[in-house]
C-alpha atoms as a PDB file:
ATOM      1  CA  UNK A   1     -13.232   0.655 -16.233  1.00  0.00           C
ATOM      2  CA  UNK A   2      -9.777   1.158 -14.746  1.00  0.00           C
ATOM      3  CA  UNK A   3      -7.930  -1.991 -13.709  1.00  0.00           C
ATOM      4  CA  UNK A   4      -5.793  -2.208 -10.579  1.00  0.00           C
ATOM      5  CA  UNK A   5      -3.928  -4.816  -8.562  1.00  0.00           C
ATOM      6  CA  UNK A   6      -3.249  -4.589  -4.844  1.00  0.00           C
ATOM      7  CA  UNK A   7      -0.013  -5.838  -3.286  1.00  0.00           C
ATOM      8  CA  UNK A   8       0.045  -6.768   0.415  1.00  0.00           C
ATOM      9  CA  UNK A   9       2.231  -8.659   2.885  1.00  0.00           C
ATOM     10  CA  UNK A  10       0.309  -8.969   6.142  1.00  0.00           C
ATOM     11  CA  UNK A  11      -3.123  -8.428   7.650  1.00  0.00           C
ATOM     12  CA  UNK A  12      -4.663  -7.002   4.487  1.00  0.00           C
ATOM     13  CA  UNK A  13      -6.947  -4.493   6.204  1.00  0.00           C
ATOM     14  CA  UNK A  14      -6.101  -1.677   3.776  1.00  0.00           C
ATOM     15  CA  UNK A  15      -6.578  -4.090   0.874  1.00  0.00           C
ATOM     16  CA  UNK A  16      -9.972  -5.112   2.279  1.00  0.00           C
ATOM     17  CA  UNK A  17     -11.022  -1.483   2.660  1.00  0.00           C
ATOM     18  CA  UNK A  18     -10.084  -0.731  -0.947  1.00  0.00           C
ATOM     19  CA  UNK A  19     -11.993  -3.735  -2.272  1.00  0.00           C
ATOM     20  CA  UNK A  20     -15.072  -2.844  -0.225  1.00  0.00           C
ATOM     21  CA  UNK A  21     -15.028   0.851  -1.196  1.00  0.00           C
ATOM     22  CA  UNK A  22     -14.024   0.632  -4.861  1.00  0.00           C
ATOM     23  CA  UNK A  23     -14.722  -2.796  -6.389  1.00  0.00           C
ATOM     24  CA  UNK A  24     -16.557  -3.294  -8.709  1.00  0.00           C
ATOM     25  CA  UNK A  25     -18.390   0.036  -8.914  1.00  0.00           C
ATOM     26  CA  UNK A  26     -15.491   2.484  -9.287  1.00  0.00           C
ATOM     27  CA  UNK A  27     -12.561   0.313 -10.400  1.00  0.00           C
ATOM     28  CA  UNK A  28     -11.947  -3.310 -11.241  1.00  0.00           C
ATOM     29  CA  UNK A  29      -9.559  -4.926  -8.783  1.00  0.00           C
ATOM     30  CA  UNK A  30      -8.321  -7.709 -11.020  1.00  0.00           C
ATOM     31  CA  UNK A  31      -5.769  -9.189  -8.632  1.00  0.00           C
ATOM     32  CA  UNK A  32      -4.366  -9.172  -5.152  1.00  0.00           C
ATOM     33  CA  UNK A  33      -0.774 -10.301  -4.805  1.00  0.00           C
ATOM     34  CA  UNK A  34       1.238 -11.171  -1.724  1.00  0.00           C
ATOM     35  CA  UNK A  35       4.875 -12.022  -1.166  1.00  0.00           C
ATOM     36  CA  UNK A  36       4.001 -13.826   2.082  1.00  0.00           C
ATOM     37  CA  UNK A  37       2.298 -17.245   1.836  1.00  0.00           C
ATOM     38  CA  UNK A  38       1.231 -16.906   5.503  1.00  0.00           C
ATOM     39  CA  UNK A  39      -0.300 -13.431   5.198  1.00  0.00           C
ATOM     40  CA  UNK A  40      -3.636 -13.093   6.955  1.00  0.00           C
ATOM     41  CA  UNK A  41      -4.780 -10.934   4.053  1.00  0.00           C
ATOM     42  CA  UNK A  42      -5.019 -14.065   1.889  1.00  0.00           C
ATOM     43  CA  UNK A  43      -8.237 -15.124   3.625  1.00  0.00           C
ATOM     44  CA  UNK A  44      -9.565 -11.541   3.525  1.00  0.00           C
ATOM     45  CA  UNK A  45      -9.047 -11.421  -0.239  1.00  0.00           C
ATOM     46  CA  UNK A  46     -10.640 -14.838  -0.727  1.00  0.00           C
ATOM     47  CA  UNK A  47     -13.633 -13.847   1.406  1.00  0.00           C
ATOM     48  CA  UNK A  48     -14.144 -10.857  -0.895  1.00  0.00           C
ATOM     49  CA  UNK A  49     -14.083 -13.065  -3.997  1.00  0.00           C
ATOM     50  CA  UNK A  50     -10.558 -12.404  -5.227  1.00  0.00           C
ATOM     51  CA  UNK A  51      -8.184 -15.364  -5.168  1.00  0.00           C
ATOM     52  CA  UNK A  52      -4.763 -13.901  -4.351  1.00  0.00           C
ATOM     53  CA  UNK A  53      -1.617 -14.626  -6.291  1.00  0.00           C
ATOM     54  CA  UNK A  54       1.225 -15.730  -4.020  1.00  0.00           C
ATOM     55  CA  UNK A  55       4.791 -14.979  -5.098  1.00  0.00           C
ATOM     56  CA  UNK A  56       6.994 -15.938  -2.155  1.00  0.00           C
ATOM     57  CA  UNK A  57      10.001 -13.609  -2.193  1.00  0.00           C
ATOM     58  CA  UNK A  58      12.061 -16.222  -0.318  1.00  0.00           C
ATOM     59  CA  UNK A  59      12.026 -18.430  -3.420  1.00  0.00           C
ATOM     60  CA  UNK A  60      14.122 -15.906  -5.350  1.00  0.00           C
ATOM     61  CA  UNK A  61      17.878 -15.446  -5.182  1.00  0.00           C
ATOM     62  CA  UNK A  62      17.724 -11.649  -5.145  1.00  0.00           C
ATOM     63  CA  UNK A  63      15.449  -8.637  -4.842  1.00  0.00           C
ATOM     64  CA  UNK A  64      15.942  -8.043  -8.575  1.00  0.00           C
ATOM     65  CA  UNK A  65      14.867 -11.570  -9.554  1.00  0.00           C
ATOM     66  CA  UNK A  66      11.755 -11.304  -7.346  1.00  0.00           C
ATOM     67  CA  UNK A  67      10.896  -7.899  -8.813  1.00  0.00           C
ATOM     68  CA  UNK A  68      11.393  -9.280 -12.346  1.00  0.00           C
ATOM     69  CA  UNK A  69       8.820 -12.009 -11.691  1.00  0.00           C
ATOM     70  CA  UNK A  70       6.428  -9.536 -10.026  1.00  0.00           C
ATOM     71  CA  UNK A  71       6.660  -7.125 -12.970  1.00  0.00           C
ATOM     72  CA  UNK A  72       6.037  -9.987 -15.408  1.00  0.00           C
ATOM     73  CA  UNK A  73       2.867 -11.011 -13.538  1.00  0.00           C
ATOM     74  CA  UNK A  74       1.653  -7.406 -13.276  1.00  0.00           C
ATOM     75  CA  UNK A  75       2.262  -6.615 -16.946  1.00  0.00           C
ATOM     76  CA  UNK A  76       0.253  -9.688 -17.963  1.00  0.00           C
ATOM     77  CA  UNK A  77      -2.735  -8.254 -16.065  1.00  0.00           C
ATOM     78  CA  UNK A  78      -2.939  -5.127 -18.279  1.00  0.00           C
ATOM     79  CA  UNK A  79      -3.277  -2.743 -15.336  1.00  0.00           C
ATOM     80  CA  UNK A  80      -3.811   0.982 -15.031  1.00  0.00           C
ATOM     81  CA  UNK A  81      -2.312   1.155 -11.532  1.00  0.00           C
ATOM     82  CA  UNK A  82      -0.712  -0.995  -8.850  1.00  0.00           C
ATOM     83  CA  UNK A  83      -1.525  -0.196  -5.232  1.00  0.00           C
ATOM     84  CA  UNK A  84       0.834  -1.110  -2.398  1.00  0.00           C
ATOM     85  CA  UNK A  85      -1.273  -1.740   0.708  1.00  0.00           C
ATOM     86  CA  UNK A  86       1.127  -2.851   3.396  1.00  0.00           C
ATOM     87  CA  UNK A  87       3.503  -4.450   0.921  1.00  0.00           C
ATOM     88  CA  UNK A  88       6.635  -4.831   3.010  1.00  0.00           C
ATOM     89  CA  UNK A  89       9.244  -4.970   0.275  1.00  0.00           C
ATOM     90  CA  UNK A  90      11.610  -2.291  -0.914  1.00  0.00           C
ATOM     91  CA  UNK A  91      11.191  -2.366  -4.659  1.00  0.00           C
ATOM     92  CA  UNK A  92      14.121  -2.125  -7.039  1.00  0.00           C
ATOM     93  CA  UNK A  93      14.313  -0.072 -10.250  1.00  0.00           C
ATOM     94  CA  UNK A  94      13.241  -3.248 -12.084  1.00  0.00           C
ATOM     95  CA  UNK A  95       9.796  -2.490 -10.603  1.00  0.00           C
ATOM     96  CA  UNK A  96       9.855   1.294 -10.160  1.00  0.00           C
ATOM     97  CA  UNK A  97      10.870   2.066 -13.748  1.00  0.00           C
ATOM     98  CA  UNK A  98       8.200  -0.160 -15.309  1.00  0.00           C
ATOM     99  CA  UNK A  99       5.126  -0.067 -13.081  1.00  0.00           C
ATOM    100  CA  UNK A 100       2.903   2.891 -12.176  1.00  0.00           C
ATOM    101  CA  UNK A 101       2.214   2.401  -8.470  1.00  0.00           C
ATOM    102  CA  UNK A 102       1.121   4.201  -5.335  1.00  0.00           C
ATOM    103  CA  UNK A 103       1.810   3.432  -1.688  1.00  0.00           C
ATOM    104  CA  UNK A 104       0.324   4.354   1.658  1.00  0.00           C
ATOM    105  CA  UNK A 105       2.737   5.220   4.455  1.00  0.00           C
ATOM    106  CA  UNK A 106       1.855   5.667   8.146  1.00  0.00           C
ATOM    107  CA  UNK A 107       3.546   9.029   8.682  1.00  0.00           C
ATOM    108  CA  UNK A 108       3.399  12.543   7.342  1.00  0.00           C
ATOM    109  CA  UNK A 109       6.108  12.244   4.735  1.00  0.00           C
ATOM    110  CA  UNK A 110       8.821  13.314   4.354  1.00  0.00           C
ATOM    111  CA  UNK A 111       9.118  12.532   8.083  1.00  0.00           C
ATOM    112  CA  UNK A 112       9.730   8.960   9.245  1.00  0.00           C
ATOM    113  CA  UNK A 113      10.425   7.197   5.960  1.00  0.00           C
ATOM    114  CA  UNK A 114      10.921   3.446   5.859  1.00  0.00           C
ATOM    115  CA  UNK A 115      10.123   0.742   8.383  1.00  0.00           C
ATOM    116  CA  UNK A 116       8.667   1.260  11.866  1.00  0.00           C
ATOM    117  CA  UNK A 117       7.138   4.584  10.884  1.00  0.00           C
ATOM    118  CA  UNK A 118       4.253   4.326  13.345  1.00  0.00           C
ATOM    119  CA  UNK A 119       6.634   3.833  16.268  1.00  0.00           C
ATOM    120  CA  UNK A 120       9.000   6.562  15.048  1.00  0.00           C
ATOM    121  CA  UNK A 121       6.143   9.000  14.567  1.00  0.00           C
ATOM    122  CA  UNK A 122       4.678   8.232  17.980  1.00  0.00           C
ATOM    123  CA  UNK A 123       8.020   8.693  19.739  1.00  0.00           C
ATOM    124  CA  UNK A 124       8.876  11.908  17.879  1.00  0.00           C
ATOM    125  CA  UNK A 125       8.330  15.384  19.280  1.00  0.00           C
ATOM    126  CA  UNK A 126       6.109  16.219  16.297  1.00  0.00           C
ATOM    127  CA  UNK A 127       2.822  17.819  17.302  1.00  0.00           C
ATOM    128  CA  UNK A 128       0.977  16.193  14.402  1.00  0.00           C
ATOM    129  CA  UNK A 129       1.035  12.685  12.976  1.00  0.00           C
ATOM    130  CA  UNK A 130      -0.839  11.060  10.134  1.00  0.00           C
ATOM    131  CA  UNK A 131      -0.610   9.151   6.892  1.00  0.00           C
ATOM    132  CA  UNK A 132       0.507   9.854   3.345  1.00  0.00           C
ATOM    133  CA  UNK A 133      -0.298   8.355  -0.021  1.00  0.00           C
ATOM    134  CA  UNK A 134       2.349   8.849  -2.674  1.00  0.00           C
ATOM    135  CA  UNK A 135       3.577   7.608  -6.011  1.00  0.00           C
ATOM    136  CA  UNK A 136       6.237   4.917  -5.841  1.00  0.00           C
ATOM    137  CA  UNK A 137       9.664   5.923  -7.106  1.00  0.00           C
ATOM    138  CA  UNK A 138      13.137   4.501  -6.925  1.00  0.00           C
ATOM    139  CA  UNK A 139      13.814   6.468  -3.724  1.00  0.00           C
ATOM    140  CA  UNK A 140      12.014   4.968  -0.709  1.00  0.00           C
ATOM    141  CA  UNK A 141       8.887   6.884   0.386  1.00  0.00           C
ATOM    142  CA  UNK A 142       9.867   9.902  -1.708  1.00  0.00           C
ATOM    143  CA  UNK A 143       7.455  10.015  -4.644  1.00  0.00           C
ATOM    144  CA  UNK A 144       5.000  12.845  -5.266  1.00  0.00           C
ATOM    145  CA  UNK A 145       2.401  13.062  -2.518  1.00  0.00           C
ATOM    146  CA  UNK A 146      -1.196  12.346  -3.501  1.00  0.00           C
ATOM    147  CA  UNK A 147      -2.929  12.987  -0.145  1.00  0.00           C
ATOM    148  CA  UNK A 148      -2.163  13.367   3.542  1.00  0.00           C
ATOM    149  CA  UNK A 149      -4.384  13.221   6.598  1.00  0.00           C
ATOM    150  CA  UNK A 150      -3.137  14.433   9.949  1.00  0.00           C
ATOM    151  CA  UNK A 151      -4.222  14.578  13.553  1.00  0.00           C
ATOM    152  CA  UNK A 152      -2.897  16.089  16.753  1.00  0.00           C
ATOM    153  CA  UNK A 153      -1.293  13.344  18.798  1.00  0.00           C
ATOM    154  CA  UNK A 154      -1.112  15.073  22.169  1.00  0.00           C
ATOM    155  CA  UNK A 155      -2.100  12.879  25.123  1.00  0.00           C
ATOM    156  CA  UNK A 156      -2.512   9.638  23.180  1.00  0.00           C
ATOM    157  CA  UNK A 157      -1.150   6.330  24.346  1.00  0.00           C
ATOM    158  CA  UNK A 158       0.419   4.127  21.680  1.00  0.00           C
ATOM    159  CA  UNK A 159      -2.675   1.963  21.187  1.00  0.00           C
ATOM    160  CA  UNK A 160      -4.928   4.972  20.554  1.00  0.00           C
ATOM    161  CA  UNK A 161      -2.260   6.483  18.293  1.00  0.00           C
ATOM    162  CA  UNK A 162      -1.978   3.335  16.180  1.00  0.00           C
ATOM    163  CA  UNK A 163      -5.773   3.079  15.923  1.00  0.00           C
ATOM    164  CA  UNK A 164      -5.930   6.679  14.702  1.00  0.00           C
ATOM    165  CA  UNK A 165      -3.209   6.012  12.104  1.00  0.00           C
ATOM    166  CA  UNK A 166      -5.214   3.097  10.703  1.00  0.00           C
ATOM    167  CA  UNK A 167      -8.423   5.131  10.713  1.00  0.00           C
ATOM    168  CA  UNK A 168      -6.674   7.822   8.661  1.00  0.00           C
ATOM    169  CA  UNK A 169      -5.437   5.171   6.232  1.00  0.00           C
ATOM    170  CA  UNK A 170      -8.953   3.819   5.736  1.00  0.00           C
ATOM    171  CA  UNK A 171     -10.275   7.347   5.102  1.00  0.00           C
ATOM    172  CA  UNK A 172      -7.818   8.513   2.457  1.00  0.00           C
ATOM    173  CA  UNK A 173      -6.719   5.369   0.644  1.00  0.00           C
ATOM    174  CA  UNK A 174      -9.702   4.877  -1.675  1.00  0.00           C
ATOM    175  CA  UNK A 175      -9.923   8.591  -2.633  1.00  0.00           C
ATOM    176  CA  UNK A 176      -6.166   8.515  -3.246  1.00  0.00           C
ATOM    177  CA  UNK A 177      -6.523   5.608  -5.655  1.00  0.00           C
ATOM    178  CA  UNK A 178      -9.236   7.459  -7.539  1.00  0.00           C
ATOM    179  CA  UNK A 179      -7.166  10.640  -7.610  1.00  0.00           C
ATOM    180  CA  UNK A 180      -4.166   8.707  -8.886  1.00  0.00           C
ATOM    181  CA  UNK A 181      -6.330   7.242 -11.633  1.00  0.00           C
ATOM    182  CA  UNK A 182      -7.611  10.749 -12.401  1.00  0.00           C
ATOM    183  CA  UNK A 183     -11.232   9.738 -12.079  1.00  0.00           C
ATOM    184  CA  UNK A 184     -12.211  11.731  -8.991  1.00  0.00           C
END
């Protein structure tokens, strides 16, 4: 069975969805890891039977030193894939050159890369919005696209728009993981 780890920084709703849809029947989620010791996702992971590993990025002198520790932990887990599920860190080449990973991004890439993508997408004149799963590379939000899901945003207020973004995430994330693992 394929082994994955999920990295998260906040609420952990995408992480929870992946655990509920994939573990243990389709893949073995051997670890959840957060860089934020106050992340609400910690209790979600615990409730689903996976004790999260906490690596507080503020305890490291640089992005590179944090990424070095993260890579060390991940390599010790003997993983097939790392999944970024709301992991709010820009990863350095220390990570991107050594770890096979995918990410979910709340826009139709290549539009609205980086932070605040939901807000940027909502405020744009784009007719369609949506989410993208992609492989993680050295260039932010620029790796090969695995899947996208879009919707027409006309007439939506921000709350409805954000809800639709999250719904799209929940729909495509698990199939994207399976596709990335080449077991679909």
